[in-house]
Amino acid sequence: MSRLQLALNVNDIEESIAFYSKLFGTGPAKVRPGYANFAIAEPPLKLVLLENPGQGGSLNHLGIEVPDTDTVAAEQARLAGTGLAPAEVGETTCCYAKQDKFWVEGAPNGERWEIYTVLADSATFGAAAPDAATCCGAEQTDQVACC
C-alpha cells in the first residue's frame, strides 16, 4: 500500500495531537518528544506532526510512503527518467524510524517531497539530527537527515 504523507510544523505537540485525534477519529500511531505520526486508513494518509514553535501551521514537507525498498528504487528510477532530480539518500534514521528514501528536488514552488519506506522503528529521532528543528525544519538545506 502507498499513501500520501503530510508533515506539518506545529507550535504545541499535545494540543495538535488532541485536535487531529478528534479530526480523524483515531489516535497517533507513534508519539515521541516533539513528534507524532498518525497512520490514517481512510483517507490513506500518514500525518506527521513536528513541534517547531513559531512555525506552527506551516507545511514542513510532503512525502509518499511506499511498501518496500524495491518500490523506493523503482520510483527513483522512474522519476529520474522524467527529468526530475532525485537526490540520493538511501538508508537513514529519521522521525524515530529507520528508512530507505530519497528526495525529489525542483518542485516549482519549492515544496519538499520524499519517497520512502519504513524499515524498522528507532529509539532516536535521526542519525545526524537530534530534534525536529534541525531534521525536518523548513530552514534545513541538507535533506540527508530529514524525515
C-alpha atoms as a PDB file:
ATOM      1  CA  MET A   1       0.000   0.000   0.000  1.00  0.00           C
ATOM      2  CA  SER A   2       1.174   3.524  -0.765  1.00  0.00           C
ATOM      3  CA  ARG A   3      -0.158   6.606   0.964  1.00  0.00           C
ATOM      4  CA  LEU A   4       0.388  10.326   0.914  1.00  0.00           C
ATOM      5  CA  GLN A   5       2.355  11.873   3.770  1.00  0.00           C
ATOM      6  CA  LEU A   6       1.854  15.416   5.057  1.00  0.00           C
ATOM      7  CA  ALA A   7       4.397  16.687   7.597  1.00  0.00           C
ATOM      8  CA  LEU A   8       3.204  19.756   9.463  1.00  0.00           C
ATOM      9  CA  ASN A   9       5.057  22.116  11.762  1.00  0.00           C
ATOM     10  CA  VAL A  10       3.055  22.647  14.958  1.00  0.00           C
ATOM     11  CA  ASN A  11       3.534  25.016  17.891  1.00  0.00           C
ATOM     12  CA  ASP A  12       2.310  22.602  20.583  1.00  0.00           C
ATOM     13  CA  ILE A  13       2.516  18.844  20.012  1.00  0.00           C
ATOM     14  CA  GLU A  14      -0.032  17.870  22.726  1.00  0.00           C
ATOM     15  CA  GLU A  15      -2.654  20.359  21.514  1.00  0.00           C
ATOM     16  CA  SER A  16      -2.131  19.195  17.924  1.00  0.00           C
ATOM     17  CA  ILE A  17      -2.393  15.508  18.860  1.00  0.00           C
ATOM     18  CA  ALA A  18      -5.722  16.209  20.566  1.00  0.00           C
ATOM     19  CA  PHE A  19      -7.059  18.108  17.543  1.00  0.00           C
ATOM     20  CA  TYR A  20      -6.007  15.578  14.892  1.00  0.00           C
ATOM     21  CA  SER A  21      -7.189  12.643  17.016  1.00  0.00           C
ATOM     22  CA  LYS A  22     -10.658  14.176  17.000  1.00  0.00           C
ATOM     23  CA  LEU A  23     -10.498  15.189  13.330  1.00  0.00           C
ATOM     24  CA  PHE A  24      -9.538  11.724  12.065  1.00  0.00           C
ATOM     25  CA  GLY A  25     -11.244   9.668  14.791  1.00  0.00           C
ATOM     26  CA  THR A  26      -8.046   7.842  15.741  1.00  0.00           C
ATOM     27  CA  GLY A  27      -5.050   8.374  17.966  1.00  0.00           C
ATOM     28  CA  PRO A  28      -1.460   8.644  16.815  1.00  0.00           C
ATOM     29  CA  ALA A  29       0.498   5.556  15.786  1.00  0.00           C
ATOM     30  CA  LYS A  30       3.690   6.952  17.339  1.00  0.00           C
ATOM     31  CA  VAL A  31       4.377   9.710  19.882  1.00  0.00           C
ATOM     32  CA  ARG A  32       7.847  10.844  20.917  1.00  0.00           C
ATOM     33  CA  PRO A  33       9.155  14.148  22.315  1.00  0.00           C
ATOM     34  CA  GLY A  34       8.177  16.892  19.847  1.00  0.00           C
ATOM     35  CA  TYR A  35       6.920  14.325  17.324  1.00  0.00           C
ATOM     36  CA  ALA A  36       3.794  12.327  16.487  1.00  0.00           C
ATOM     37  CA  ASN A  37       2.513  10.472  13.467  1.00  0.00           C
ATOM     38  CA  PHE A  38      -0.884   9.161  12.516  1.00  0.00           C
ATOM     39  CA  ALA A  39      -1.380   6.204  10.156  1.00  0.00           C
ATOM     40  CA  ILE A  40      -4.878   7.004   8.920  1.00  0.00           C
ATOM     41  CA  ALA A  41      -6.713   4.309   6.971  1.00  0.00           C
ATOM     42  CA  GLU A  42      -9.410   6.473   5.419  1.00  0.00           C
ATOM     43  CA  PRO A  43      -8.349   8.539   3.623  1.00  0.00           C
ATOM     44  CA  PRO A  44      -4.994   6.736   3.314  1.00  0.00           C
ATOM     45  CA  LEU A  45      -2.705   9.303   4.928  1.00  0.00           C
ATOM     46  CA  LYS A  46       0.441   9.440   7.023  1.00  0.00           C
ATOM     47  CA  LEU A  47       0.150  12.667   9.043  1.00  0.00           C
ATOM     48  CA  VAL A  48       3.380  13.722  10.734  1.00  0.00           C
ATOM     49  CA  LEU A  49       3.419  16.463  13.370  1.00  0.00           C
ATOM     50  CA  LEU A  50       6.754  18.139  14.150  1.00  0.00           C
ATOM     51  CA  GLU A  51       6.885  20.541  17.063  1.00  0.00           C
ATOM     52  CA  ASN A  52       8.598  23.696  15.754  1.00  0.00           C
ATOM     53  CA  PRO A  53       7.387  26.588  17.956  1.00  0.00           C
ATOM     54  CA  GLY A  54       6.857  29.732  15.920  1.00  0.00           C
ATOM     55  CA  GLN A  55       6.475  27.724  12.693  1.00  0.00           C
ATOM     56  CA  GLY A  56       3.053  26.241  13.552  1.00  0.00           C
ATOM     57  CA  GLY A  57       0.580  25.976  10.726  1.00  0.00           C
ATOM     58  CA  SER A  58       3.201  25.718   8.023  1.00  0.00           C
ATOM     59  CA  LEU A  59       3.994  22.779   5.808  1.00  0.00           C
ATOM     60  CA  ASN A  60       7.222  21.005   6.687  1.00  0.00           C
ATOM     61  CA  HIS A  61       7.400  18.618   3.743  1.00  0.00           C
ATOM     62  CA  LEU A  62       5.360  16.163   1.667  1.00  0.00           C
ATOM     63  CA  GLY A  63       6.022  12.526   1.041  1.00  0.00           C
ATOM     64  CA  ILE A  64       4.827   9.261  -0.369  1.00  0.00           C
ATOM     65  CA  GLU A  65       5.232   6.202   1.840  1.00  0.00           C
ATOM     66  CA  VAL A  66       5.671   3.057  -0.259  1.00  0.00           C
ATOM     67  CA  PRO A  67       5.611  -0.576   0.866  1.00  0.00           C
ATOM     68  CA  ASP A  68       9.249  -1.631   0.353  1.00  0.00           C
ATOM     69  CA  THR A  69      12.779  -0.789  -0.811  1.00  0.00           C
ATOM     70  CA  ASP A  70      12.141  -2.218  -4.291  1.00  0.00           C
ATOM     71  CA  THR A  71       9.373   0.359  -4.744  1.00  0.00           C
ATOM     72  CA  VAL A  72      11.680   3.134  -3.493  1.00  0.00           C
ATOM     73  CA  ALA A  73      14.271   2.121  -6.128  1.00  0.00           C
ATOM     74  CA  ALA A  74      11.652   1.797  -8.877  1.00  0.00           C
ATOM     75  CA  GLU A  75      10.218   5.249  -8.116  1.00  0.00           C
ATOM     76  CA  GLN A  76      13.681   6.781  -8.034  1.00  0.00           C
ATOM     77  CA  ALA A  77      14.463   5.318 -11.463  1.00  0.00           C
ATOM     78  CA  ARG A  78      11.063   6.354 -12.855  1.00  0.00           C
ATOM     79  CA  LEU A  79      11.404   9.941 -11.648  1.00  0.00           C
ATOM     80  CA  ALA A  80      14.996  10.228 -12.889  1.00  0.00           C
ATOM     81  CA  GLY A  81      13.684   9.144 -16.306  1.00  0.00           C
ATOM     82  CA  THR A  82      11.217  12.043 -16.328  1.00  0.00           C
ATOM     83  CA  GLY A  83      13.985  14.583 -15.859  1.00  0.00           C
ATOM     84  CA  LEU A  84      13.273  15.275 -12.203  1.00  0.00           C
ATOM     85  CA  ALA A  85      16.287  15.352  -9.924  1.00  0.00           C
ATOM     86  CA  PRO A  86      16.001  12.657  -7.265  1.00  0.00           C
ATOM     87  CA  ALA A  87      18.554  13.336  -4.514  1.00  0.00           C
ATOM     88  CA  GLU A  88      20.264  10.198  -3.207  1.00  0.00           C
ATOM     89  CA  VAL A  89      19.802   9.319   0.443  1.00  0.00           C
ATOM     90  CA  GLY A  90      19.441   5.541   0.878  1.00  0.00           C
ATOM     91  CA  GLU A  91      19.132   4.071   4.353  1.00  0.00           C
ATOM     92  CA  THR A  92      18.912   6.607   7.165  1.00  0.00           C
ATOM     93  CA  THR A  93      17.310   7.140  10.554  1.00  0.00           C
ATOM     94  CA  CYS A  94      14.760   9.908  10.876  1.00  0.00           C
ATOM     95  CA  CYS A  95      11.472  10.570  12.643  1.00  0.00           C
ATOM     96  CA  TYR A  96      12.119   7.683  15.036  1.00  0.00           C
ATOM     97  CA  ALA A  97      12.295   5.201  12.150  1.00  0.00           C
ATOM     98  CA  LYS A  98      14.959   3.517  10.052  1.00  0.00           C
ATOM     99  CA  GLN A  99      14.049   4.317   6.462  1.00  0.00           C
ATOM    100  CA  ASP A 100      15.138   3.866   2.869  1.00  0.00           C
ATOM    101  CA  LYS A 101      14.365   7.077   0.994  1.00  0.00           C
ATOM    102  CA  PHE A 102      15.225   9.748  -1.499  1.00  0.00           C
ATOM    103  CA  TRP A 103      14.130  13.348  -2.078  1.00  0.00           C
ATOM    104  CA  VAL A 104      12.756  14.879  -5.264  1.00  0.00           C
ATOM    105  CA  GLU A 105      14.130  18.351  -5.924  1.00  0.00           C
ATOM    106  CA  GLY A 106      12.913  21.070  -8.259  1.00  0.00           C
ATOM    107  CA  ALA A 107       9.216  21.477  -7.381  1.00  0.00           C
ATOM    108  CA  PRO A 108       8.027  24.765  -8.932  1.00  0.00           C
ATOM    109  CA  ASN A 109       7.079  26.303  -5.576  1.00  0.00           C
ATOM    110  CA  GLY A 110       9.895  24.792  -3.538  1.00  0.00           C
ATOM    111  CA  GLU A 111       7.860  22.059  -1.861  1.00  0.00           C
ATOM    112  CA  ARG A 112       9.950  19.247  -0.413  1.00  0.00           C
ATOM    113  CA  TRP A 113       8.907  15.694  -1.424  1.00  0.00           C
ATOM    114  CA  GLU A 114      10.311  12.442  -0.127  1.00  0.00           C
ATOM    115  CA  ILE A 115       9.666   8.901  -1.344  1.00  0.00           C
ATOM    116  CA  TYR A 116      10.355   6.427   1.464  1.00  0.00           C
ATOM    117  CA  THR A 117       9.672   3.142   3.192  1.00  0.00           C
ATOM    118  CA  VAL A 118       9.980   2.404   6.897  1.00  0.00           C
ATOM    119  CA  LEU A 119      12.411  -0.444   7.618  1.00  0.00           C
ATOM    120  CA  ALA A 120      12.172  -0.525  11.425  1.00  0.00           C
ATOM    121  CA  ASP A 121      11.354   1.557  14.464  1.00  0.00           C
ATOM    122  CA  SER A 122      14.143   3.606  16.081  1.00  0.00           C
ATOM    123  CA  ALA A 123      14.671   4.934  19.594  1.00  0.00           C
ATOM    124  CA  THR A 124      16.320   8.079  18.178  1.00  0.00           C
ATOM    125  CA  PHE A 125      14.848  10.862  16.074  1.00  0.00           C
ATOM    126  CA  GLY A 126      17.625  10.872  13.492  1.00  0.00           C
ATOM    127  CA  ALA A 127      21.123   9.652  12.817  1.00  0.00           C
ATOM    128  CA  ALA A 128      22.554  13.135  12.333  1.00  0.00           C
ATOM    129  CA  ALA A 129      19.900  15.393  13.828  1.00  0.00           C
ATOM    130  CA  PRO A 130      18.648  15.227  17.427  1.00  0.00           C
ATOM    131  CA  ASP A 131      15.461  17.236  17.009  1.00  0.00           C
ATOM    132  CA  ALA A 132      12.723  18.284  14.599  1.00  0.00           C
ATOM    133  CA  ALA A 133      14.070  21.795  14.100  1.00  0.00           C
ATOM    134  CA  THR A 134      17.279  20.519  12.524  1.00  0.00           C
ATOM    135  CA  CYS A 135      15.963  17.304  10.975  1.00  0.00           C
ATOM    136  CA  CYS A 136      12.754  18.408   9.294  1.00  0.00           C
ATOM    137  CA  GLY A 137      12.652  22.168   9.797  1.00  0.00           C
ATOM    138  CA  ALA A 138      11.777  24.324   6.805  1.00  0.00           C
ATOM    139  CA  GLU A 139      15.126  26.075   7.113  1.00  0.00           C
ATOM    140  CA  GLN A 140      17.062  22.863   6.505  1.00  0.00           C
ATOM    141  CA  THR A 141      19.037  22.728   3.292  1.00  0.00           C
ATOM    142  CA  ASP A 142      20.789  19.391   3.834  1.00  0.00           C
ATOM    143  CA  GLN A 143      17.939  16.935   3.378  1.00  0.00           C
ATOM    144  CA  VAL A 144      20.009  13.804   4.038  1.00  0.00           C
ATOM    145  CA  ALA A 145      18.952  13.504   7.661  1.00  0.00           C
ATOM    146  CA  CYS A 146      15.370  14.661   7.271  1.00  0.00           C
ATOM    147  CA  CYS A 147      12.278  12.616   7.774  1.00  0.00           C
END
